[in-house]
Protein backbone atom coordinates (compact mmCIF):
# COMPACT_ATOMS: atom_id res chain seq x y z
CA MET A 1 124.68 -29.00 -149.32
CA HIS A 2 125.06 -31.08 -146.15
CA GLU A 3 127.35 -33.86 -145.03
CA ARG A 4 127.96 -35.62 -141.72
CA VAL A 5 129.46 -38.79 -140.37
CA THR A 6 127.24 -40.76 -138.02
CA ARG A 7 127.77 -43.93 -136.05
CA PHE A 8 126.47 -45.91 -139.05
CA HIS A 9 127.06 -43.86 -142.21
CA ARG A 10 128.53 -40.94 -143.97
CA LEU A 11 125.37 -39.03 -144.92
CA ARG A 12 125.35 -36.61 -147.81
CA VAL A 13 122.43 -34.42 -148.87
CA THR A 14 122.74 -32.71 -152.24
CA ASP A 15 120.50 -30.68 -154.53
CA LYS A 16 120.84 -31.01 -158.28
CA ASP A 17 118.42 -30.23 -161.12
CA GLY A 18 115.49 -29.72 -158.75
CA VAL A 19 116.02 -33.00 -156.86
CA ARG A 20 117.29 -33.35 -153.29
CA THR A 21 119.12 -36.63 -152.68
CA LEU A 22 120.20 -38.48 -149.54
CA ARG A 23 123.19 -40.78 -149.92
CA PHE A 24 124.85 -43.17 -147.51
CA GLU A 25 128.44 -43.52 -148.64
CA ARG A 26 128.03 -44.23 -152.37
CA ASN A 27 124.39 -45.36 -152.50
CA GLN A 28 121.29 -43.24 -152.96
CA GLN A 29 118.77 -43.81 -150.17
CA SER A 30 116.08 -41.18 -150.79
CA SER A 31 115.17 -38.29 -152.97
CA MET A 32 112.48 -35.66 -153.25
CA LEU A 33 111.52 -33.16 -155.89
CA LEU A 34 112.14 -29.67 -154.52
CA ALA A 35 109.02 -28.40 -156.30
CA ASP A 36 106.88 -31.09 -154.62
CA PRO A 37 108.37 -32.62 -151.44
CA PHE A 38 105.93 -35.57 -151.57
CA GLU A 39 107.28 -36.72 -154.93
CA THR A 40 110.49 -38.60 -155.68
CA ASP A 41 112.38 -39.72 -158.73
CA ILE A 42 112.83 -43.18 -157.16
CA GLU A 43 110.27 -45.32 -158.93
CA TYR A 44 109.94 -48.17 -156.44
CA VAL A 45 108.54 -45.87 -153.71
CA GLY A 46 105.29 -45.74 -155.67
CA TYR A 47 105.11 -49.51 -155.67
CA LEU A 48 105.76 -49.94 -151.95
CA HIS A 49 102.69 -48.09 -150.79
CA ALA A 50 100.66 -50.23 -153.19
CA THR A 51 100.80 -52.85 -150.41
CA LEU A 52 97.70 -51.10 -149.13
CA ALA A 53 95.80 -52.38 -152.17
CA VAL A 54 95.81 -55.73 -150.38
CA ALA A 55 94.47 -54.09 -147.21
CA PRO A 56 92.40 -51.13 -148.44
CA HIS A 57 90.82 -50.56 -145.02
CA ALA A 58 94.15 -50.52 -143.21
CA GLN A 59 94.32 -48.34 -140.14
CA ARG A 60 97.94 -48.97 -139.06
CA ALA A 61 101.11 -49.44 -141.10
CA LEU A 62 104.68 -50.24 -140.10
CA ILE A 63 107.63 -49.17 -142.22
CA LEU A 64 111.00 -50.69 -141.36
CA GLY A 65 113.61 -48.26 -142.66
CA LEU A 66 112.98 -44.51 -143.01
CA GLY A 67 115.80 -42.92 -144.99
CA GLY A 68 114.56 -39.52 -146.15
CA GLY A 69 110.97 -40.59 -145.49
CA SER A 70 109.78 -40.77 -149.12
CA LEU A 71 107.46 -43.71 -148.49
CA ALA A 72 106.27 -42.59 -145.05
CA LYS A 73 105.26 -39.12 -146.18
CA ARG A 74 103.55 -40.40 -149.35
CA MET A 75 101.48 -42.85 -147.30
CA TRP A 76 100.77 -40.10 -144.76
CA ARG A 77 99.51 -37.81 -147.52
CA ASP A 78 97.63 -40.39 -149.59
CA TYR A 79 95.87 -42.22 -146.73
CA PRO A 80 94.60 -39.58 -144.27
CA LYS A 81 93.12 -42.16 -141.88
CA LEU A 82 96.25 -44.30 -141.74
CA VAL A 83 98.50 -44.24 -138.66
CA ILE A 84 102.10 -44.97 -139.62
CA ASP A 85 104.96 -46.16 -137.44
CA ALA A 86 108.41 -45.97 -139.02
CA VAL A 87 111.56 -47.52 -137.58
CA GLU A 88 115.01 -46.14 -138.35
CA LEU A 89 118.30 -47.32 -136.88
CA ASP A 90 120.23 -44.05 -137.17
CA PRO A 91 118.94 -41.01 -135.21
CA ASP A 92 120.89 -38.71 -137.55
CA VAL A 93 118.90 -40.07 -140.50
CA VAL A 94 115.65 -39.17 -138.70
CA GLU A 95 116.95 -35.64 -138.11
CA VAL A 96 117.93 -35.28 -141.78
CA ALA A 97 114.50 -36.58 -142.88
CA ARG A 98 112.77 -33.95 -140.75
CA GLU A 99 115.11 -31.04 -141.55
CA SER A 100 115.91 -31.65 -145.22
CA PHE A 101 113.19 -33.93 -146.61
CA ALA A 102 109.99 -32.40 -145.18
CA LEU A 103 109.01 -35.42 -143.09
CA PRO A 104 105.76 -34.34 -141.42
CA ASP A 105 105.67 -33.84 -137.66
CA ASP A 106 102.24 -35.29 -136.99
CA ALA A 107 100.60 -37.68 -134.52
CA ARG A 108 99.71 -40.05 -137.41
CA LEU A 109 103.39 -40.52 -138.26
CA ARG A 110 105.48 -41.86 -135.38
CA VAL A 111 109.18 -42.49 -135.86
CA PHE A 112 111.04 -44.91 -133.59
CA VAL A 113 114.83 -44.93 -133.45
CA ASP A 114 115.55 -48.61 -133.04
CA ASP A 115 117.01 -51.65 -134.72
CA ALA A 116 114.31 -53.15 -136.96
CA ARG A 117 115.16 -56.65 -135.71
CA ARG A 118 114.56 -55.65 -132.11
CA PHE A 119 111.48 -53.59 -132.93
CA VAL A 120 109.62 -56.40 -134.69
CA GLN A 121 110.46 -58.83 -131.89
CA THR A 122 109.12 -56.52 -129.18
CA ALA A 123 106.45 -54.41 -130.91
CA PRO A 124 103.35 -54.24 -128.72
CA ASP A 125 101.13 -53.20 -131.63
CA HIS A 126 99.76 -55.09 -134.59
CA TYR A 127 99.74 -53.61 -138.07
CA ASP A 128 97.52 -54.00 -141.09
CA SER A 129 100.51 -53.52 -143.40
CA VAL A 130 104.25 -54.03 -142.86
CA VAL A 131 106.77 -52.72 -145.38
CA VAL A 132 110.40 -53.78 -145.04
CA ASP A 133 112.51 -51.12 -146.74
CA VAL A 134 115.88 -51.58 -145.09
CA PHE A 135 118.82 -51.58 -147.40
CA ASP A 136 122.36 -50.32 -147.28
CA ASP A 137 124.67 -51.99 -149.72
CA ASP A 138 127.65 -50.20 -148.18
CA LEU A 139 127.08 -52.01 -144.87
CA GLY A 140 125.82 -55.26 -146.37
CA ILE A 141 122.32 -54.69 -145.01
CA GLY A 142 119.54 -55.89 -147.24
CA GLN A 143 116.90 -58.50 -147.80
CA ARG A 144 119.45 -61.34 -147.86
CA SER A 145 121.40 -60.20 -144.81
CA SER A 146 121.00 -60.97 -141.13
CA LEU A 147 118.62 -58.03 -140.86
CA ALA A 148 115.88 -60.10 -142.46
CA PRO A 149 116.27 -63.64 -141.12
CA ARG A 150 113.33 -65.99 -141.29
CA SER A 151 112.28 -65.21 -137.69
CA VAL A 152 112.09 -61.46 -138.44
CA ARG A 153 110.07 -62.07 -141.62
CA GLN A 154 107.73 -64.36 -139.70
CA LYS A 155 107.36 -61.84 -136.87
CA SER A 156 106.69 -59.07 -139.41
CA ARG A 157 103.94 -61.21 -140.93
CA SER A 158 102.44 -61.85 -137.49
CA LEU A 159 102.40 -58.11 -136.83
CA ALA A 160 100.29 -57.66 -139.94
CA VAL A 161 97.39 -59.97 -139.06
CA ARG A 162 94.92 -57.63 -137.50
CA ARG A 163 91.50 -56.22 -138.09
CA CYS A 164 91.34 -55.56 -141.84
CA PRO A 165 87.93 -56.73 -143.12
């Protein structure tokens, strides 16, 4: 359906059996059901927004890693009072999320094109919930890589210590 080479990836968007999929090189990053753009066949997305069970009165959430926006748009839909900031390294991925994966264009969902490491070190805001969903096995980016060193994890925790009762 759609393929492009960016500074960071070879992106491929395909439709098959009612599911749209975003791949970076060989790995699936996001998917959505064409019949319901807020749903995905990737099971863990449902678990990630469960972080709000710990902070049920959350007003602000930070998502590091956007991909096709599966998590961001589910949180946007399911928590109408929640303001969400998402950080994505690749501007082409943001464009694909908006054009092909129905990422809402709304004031409650801000997307920043930035390196997650830099963003968490310089973020002026505090968040009630921080979700780290950065992974690209093709580039060696994941929870055990330099993208998530101890200082970034600690800074992410410090961003999430605000005003939840």
